[in-house]
Amino acid sequence: MPLELVIFVGLQAAGKSTYYRDHFAATHVHVSKDLMKHARSRDGRQEQEIARALAAGRSVVVDNTNPTPVVRAPLIALGRRHGARVVAYFFETTVKDAVARNRLREGNARVPDVAVYVTARKLVPPTFEEGFDEVRVIAPLPPIIAAT
């Protein structure tokens, strides 16, 4: 399998981390700023972890919201420097469904609702023009149905 840098793009609670566990855990290193609570520069640490894995010949999944081309550009460039195939996975979901799923999260996994709304306002779907070799769209998870 060729060296790959997978960049997840999507709202909080869109199913990104679950998708990683279900589809990539056995083959790709998981890099997520959510796991870097005490890092001084989470962007810097993320870049170091990605570079270290790619330099060792290991494929990587970047599991963050990565909402804009400006945020994604340094990741794409890093993948290119290491000769990796760079793939975007865009997680389609409505803000309403993301907020509902987020409210089911517990502890630090739950973010304030406003964070989902802020990300939604910034969210730009990934495109080939950004430099991706492939762009995959992941269908929305089923909506949360409230118990009656």
C-alpha atoms as a PDB file:
ATOM      1  CA  MET A   1       0.000   0.000   0.000  1.00  0.00           C
ATOM      2  CA  PRO A   2       1.437   3.412  -0.936  1.00  0.00           C
ATOM      3  CA  LEU A   3       2.256   5.970   1.742  1.00  0.00           C
ATOM      4  CA  GLU A   4      -0.871   8.010   2.423  1.00  0.00           C
ATOM      5  CA  LEU A   5      -1.854  11.144   4.312  1.00  0.00           C
ATOM      6  CA  VAL A   6      -5.605  11.174   4.948  1.00  0.00           C
ATOM      7  CA  ILE A   7      -7.073  14.496   6.046  1.00  0.00           C
ATOM      8  CA  PHE A   8     -10.510  14.348   7.626  1.00  0.00           C
ATOM      9  CA  VAL A   9     -12.752  17.384   7.088  1.00  0.00           C
ATOM     10  CA  GLY A  10     -16.016  17.873   8.943  1.00  0.00           C
ATOM     11  CA  LEU A  11     -17.929  19.210  11.890  1.00  0.00           C
ATOM     12  CA  GLN A  12     -17.395  18.023  15.422  1.00  0.00           C
ATOM     13  CA  ALA A  13     -19.506  14.878  16.083  1.00  0.00           C
ATOM     14  CA  ALA A  14     -19.778  14.083  12.368  1.00  0.00           C
ATOM     15  CA  GLY A  15     -18.340  10.605  12.989  1.00  0.00           C
ATOM     16  CA  LYS A  16     -14.709  11.211  12.068  1.00  0.00           C
ATOM     17  CA  SER A  17     -13.044   9.409  14.992  1.00  0.00           C
ATOM     18  CA  THR A  18     -15.461   6.494  14.734  1.00  0.00           C
ATOM     19  CA  TYR A  19     -14.696   6.247  11.018  1.00  0.00           C
ATOM     20  CA  TYR A  20     -10.973   6.181  11.815  1.00  0.00           C
ATOM     21  CA  ARG A  21     -11.453   3.336  14.297  1.00  0.00           C
ATOM     22  CA  ASP A  22     -13.629   1.366  11.875  1.00  0.00           C
ATOM     23  CA  HIS A  23     -11.567   1.858   8.705  1.00  0.00           C
ATOM     24  CA  PHE A  24      -7.993   2.963   9.445  1.00  0.00           C
ATOM     25  CA  ALA A  25      -6.916   1.918  12.961  1.00  0.00           C
ATOM     26  CA  ALA A  26      -5.046  -1.144  11.721  1.00  0.00           C
ATOM     27  CA  THR A  27      -3.183   0.634   8.913  1.00  0.00           C
ATOM     28  CA  HIS A  28      -2.762   4.357   9.707  1.00  0.00           C
ATOM     29  CA  VAL A  29      -1.290   6.378  12.572  1.00  0.00           C
ATOM     30  CA  HIS A  30      -3.985   8.491  14.274  1.00  0.00           C
ATOM     31  CA  VAL A  31      -3.079  12.166  14.734  1.00  0.00           C
ATOM     32  CA  SER A  32      -5.653  14.340  16.470  1.00  0.00           C
ATOM     33  CA  LYS A  33      -5.322  17.644  18.282  1.00  0.00           C
ATOM     34  CA  ASP A  34      -7.978  16.336  20.683  1.00  0.00           C
ATOM     35  CA  LEU A  35      -5.277  14.016  22.040  1.00  0.00           C
ATOM     36  CA  MET A  36      -2.819  16.896  22.584  1.00  0.00           C
ATOM     37  CA  LYS A  37      -4.457  18.648  25.541  1.00  0.00           C
ATOM     38  CA  HIS A  38      -1.201  19.833  27.130  1.00  0.00           C
ATOM     39  CA  ALA A  39       0.868  20.665  24.055  1.00  0.00           C
ATOM     40  CA  ARG A  40       2.108  24.263  23.883  1.00  0.00           C
ATOM     41  CA  SER A  41       1.569  24.387  20.127  1.00  0.00           C
ATOM     42  CA  ARG A  42      -0.900  21.796  18.980  1.00  0.00           C
ATOM     43  CA  ASP A  43      -0.275  22.743  15.330  1.00  0.00           C
ATOM     44  CA  GLY A  44       3.467  22.263  15.802  1.00  0.00           C
ATOM     45  CA  ARG A  45       3.047  18.987  17.628  1.00  0.00           C
ATOM     46  CA  GLN A  46       0.602  17.751  14.997  1.00  0.00           C
ATOM     47  CA  GLU A  47       3.101  18.549  12.245  1.00  0.00           C
ATOM     48  CA  GLN A  48       5.881  16.737  14.149  1.00  0.00           C
ATOM     49  CA  GLU A  49       3.756  13.615  14.661  1.00  0.00           C
ATOM     50  CA  ILE A  50       2.709  13.524  11.006  1.00  0.00           C
ATOM     51  CA  ALA A  51       6.276  14.083   9.768  1.00  0.00           C
ATOM     52  CA  ARG A  52       7.678  11.421  12.125  1.00  0.00           C
ATOM     53  CA  ALA A  53       5.155   8.809  10.970  1.00  0.00           C
ATOM     54  CA  LEU A  54       5.520   9.584   7.252  1.00  0.00           C
ATOM     55  CA  ALA A  55       9.340   9.593   7.524  1.00  0.00           C
ATOM     56  CA  ALA A  56       9.065   6.117   9.064  1.00  0.00           C
ATOM     57  CA  GLY A  57       6.972   4.964   6.118  1.00  0.00           C
ATOM     58  CA  ARG A  58       3.706   4.881   8.041  1.00  0.00           C
ATOM     59  CA  SER A  59       0.454   6.281   6.639  1.00  0.00           C
ATOM     60  CA  VAL A  60      -1.418   8.867   8.727  1.00  0.00           C
ATOM     61  CA  VAL A  61      -4.971  10.045   9.353  1.00  0.00           C
ATOM     62  CA  VAL A  62      -5.343  13.658  10.555  1.00  0.00           C
ATOM     63  CA  ASP A  63      -8.535  13.550  12.612  1.00  0.00           C
ATOM     64  CA  ASN A  64      -9.564  17.173  13.171  1.00  0.00           C
ATOM     65  CA  THR A  65     -12.232  19.438  11.728  1.00  0.00           C
ATOM     66  CA  ASN A  66      -9.734  20.920   9.197  1.00  0.00           C
ATOM     67  CA  PRO A  67     -12.470  23.294   8.020  1.00  0.00           C
ATOM     68  CA  THR A  68     -10.684  25.577   5.535  1.00  0.00           C
ATOM     69  CA  PRO A  69      -8.182  25.397   2.684  1.00  0.00           C
ATOM     70  CA  VAL A  70      -5.839  27.622   4.742  1.00  0.00           C
ATOM     71  CA  VAL A  71      -5.815  25.050   7.563  1.00  0.00           C
ATOM     72  CA  ARG A  72      -5.388  22.153   5.147  1.00  0.00           C
ATOM     73  CA  ALA A  73      -2.623  23.688   2.961  1.00  0.00           C
ATOM     74  CA  PRO A  74       0.290  23.022   5.368  1.00  0.00           C
ATOM     75  CA  LEU A  75      -0.911  19.439   5.842  1.00  0.00           C
ATOM     76  CA  ILE A  76      -1.072  18.868   2.090  1.00  0.00           C
ATOM     77  CA  ALA A  77       2.413  20.385   1.698  1.00  0.00           C
ATOM     78  CA  LEU A  78       3.754  18.128   4.462  1.00  0.00           C
ATOM     79  CA  GLY A  79       2.325  15.060   2.764  1.00  0.00           C
ATOM     80  CA  ARG A  80       3.865  16.106  -0.554  1.00  0.00           C
ATOM     81  CA  ARG A  81       7.296  16.636   1.063  1.00  0.00           C
ATOM     82  CA  HIS A  82       7.196  13.017   2.209  1.00  0.00           C
ATOM     83  CA  GLY A  83       5.949  11.663  -1.115  1.00  0.00           C
ATOM     84  CA  ALA A  84       2.589  10.615   0.328  1.00  0.00           C
ATOM     85  CA  ARG A  85      -0.652  10.323  -1.565  1.00  0.00           C
ATOM     86  CA  VAL A  86      -2.923  13.003  -0.005  1.00  0.00           C
ATOM     87  CA  VAL A  87      -6.612  12.158   0.358  1.00  0.00           C
ATOM     88  CA  ALA A  88      -9.453  14.223   1.830  1.00  0.00           C
ATOM     89  CA  TYR A  89     -12.411  12.570   3.516  1.00  0.00           C
ATOM     90  CA  PHE A  90     -15.293  15.033   3.781  1.00  0.00           C
ATOM     91  CA  PHE A  91     -17.897  14.070   6.374  1.00  0.00           C
ATOM     92  CA  GLU A  92     -21.264  15.433   5.331  1.00  0.00           C
ATOM     93  CA  THR A  93     -23.617  16.192   8.193  1.00  0.00           C
ATOM     94  CA  THR A  94     -26.097  18.862   9.150  1.00  0.00           C
ATOM     95  CA  VAL A  95     -25.340  21.250  11.987  1.00  0.00           C
ATOM     96  CA  LYS A  96     -28.521  20.045  13.701  1.00  0.00           C
ATOM     97  CA  ASP A  97     -27.365  16.410  13.641  1.00  0.00           C
ATOM     98  CA  ALA A  98     -23.814  17.281  14.740  1.00  0.00           C
ATOM     99  CA  VAL A  99     -25.150  19.276  17.700  1.00  0.00           C
ATOM    100  CA  ALA A 100     -27.498  16.420  18.649  1.00  0.00           C
ATOM    101  CA  ARG A 101     -24.683  13.836  18.524  1.00  0.00           C
ATOM    102  CA  ASN A 102     -22.332  16.168  20.394  1.00  0.00           C
ATOM    103  CA  ARG A 103     -24.881  16.480  23.215  1.00  0.00           C
ATOM    104  CA  LEU A 104     -24.684  12.690  23.674  1.00  0.00           C
ATOM    105  CA  ARG A 105     -20.938  12.891  24.275  1.00  0.00           C
ATOM    106  CA  GLU A 106     -19.578  12.895  27.795  1.00  0.00           C
ATOM    107  CA  GLY A 107     -16.717  14.682  29.517  1.00  0.00           C
ATOM    108  CA  ASN A 108     -14.008  16.277  27.400  1.00  0.00           C
ATOM    109  CA  ALA A 109     -15.383  14.679  24.230  1.00  0.00           C
ATOM    110  CA  ARG A 110     -18.310  17.105  24.303  1.00  0.00           C
ATOM    111  CA  VAL A 111     -17.656  20.580  22.923  1.00  0.00           C
ATOM    112  CA  PRO A 112     -19.826  23.657  23.506  1.00  0.00           C
ATOM    113  CA  ASP A 113     -22.614  23.883  20.910  1.00  0.00           C
ATOM    114  CA  VAL A 114     -21.174  27.215  19.777  1.00  0.00           C
ATOM    115  CA  ALA A 115     -18.004  25.413  18.624  1.00  0.00           C
ATOM    116  CA  VAL A 116     -20.035  23.371  16.144  1.00  0.00           C
ATOM    117  CA  TYR A 117     -21.757  26.514  14.833  1.00  0.00           C
ATOM    118  CA  VAL A 118     -18.440  28.373  14.480  1.00  0.00           C
ATOM    119  CA  THR A 119     -16.893  25.473  12.567  1.00  0.00           C
ATOM    120  CA  ALA A 120     -19.982  25.220  10.341  1.00  0.00           C
ATOM    121  CA  ARG A 121     -19.629  28.883   9.336  1.00  0.00           C
ATOM    122  CA  LYS A 122     -16.000  28.328   8.318  1.00  0.00           C
ATOM    123  CA  LEU A 123     -16.412  24.888   6.714  1.00  0.00           C
ATOM    124  CA  VAL A 124     -15.358  24.701   3.058  1.00  0.00           C
ATOM    125  CA  PRO A 125     -15.564  21.273   1.400  1.00  0.00           C
ATOM    126  CA  PRO A 126     -12.180  20.050   0.145  1.00  0.00           C
ATOM    127  CA  THR A 127     -11.386  20.215  -3.573  1.00  0.00           C
ATOM    128  CA  PHE A 128      -8.832  18.785  -5.987  1.00  0.00           C
ATOM    129  CA  GLU A 129      -7.628  22.351  -6.631  1.00  0.00           C
ATOM    130  CA  GLU A 130      -6.152  22.377  -3.113  1.00  0.00           C
ATOM    131  CA  GLY A 131      -3.780  19.598  -4.157  1.00  0.00           C
ATOM    132  CA  PHE A 132      -5.605  16.466  -3.014  1.00  0.00           C
ATOM    133  CA  ASP A 133      -5.039  13.301  -5.033  1.00  0.00           C
ATOM    134  CA  GLU A 134      -8.520  12.125  -4.094  1.00  0.00           C
ATOM    135  CA  VAL A 135     -11.561  13.596  -2.361  1.00  0.00           C
ATOM    136  CA  ARG A 136     -14.021  11.183  -0.783  1.00  0.00           C
ATOM    137  CA  VAL A 137     -17.393  12.190   0.591  1.00  0.00           C
ATOM    138  CA  ILE A 138     -18.695  10.220   3.561  1.00  0.00           C
ATOM    139  CA  ALA A 139     -22.480  10.144   3.775  1.00  0.00           C
ATOM    140  CA  PRO A 140     -24.090  11.557   6.904  1.00  0.00           C
ATOM    141  CA  LEU A 141     -24.714   9.323   9.881  1.00  0.00           C
ATOM    142  CA  PRO A 142     -28.366   8.590  10.573  1.00  0.00           C
ATOM    143  CA  PRO A 143     -29.998  11.444  12.521  1.00  0.00           C
ATOM    144  CA  ILE A 144     -30.484  11.151  16.258  1.00  0.00           C
ATOM    145  CA  ILE A 145     -34.126  10.393  17.009  1.00  0.00           C
ATOM    146  CA  ALA A 146     -35.296  11.615  20.386  1.00  0.00           C
ATOM    147  CA  ALA A 147     -37.043   9.071  22.579  1.00  0.00           C
ATOM    148  CA  THR A 148     -40.729   9.770  23.034  1.00  0.00           C
END
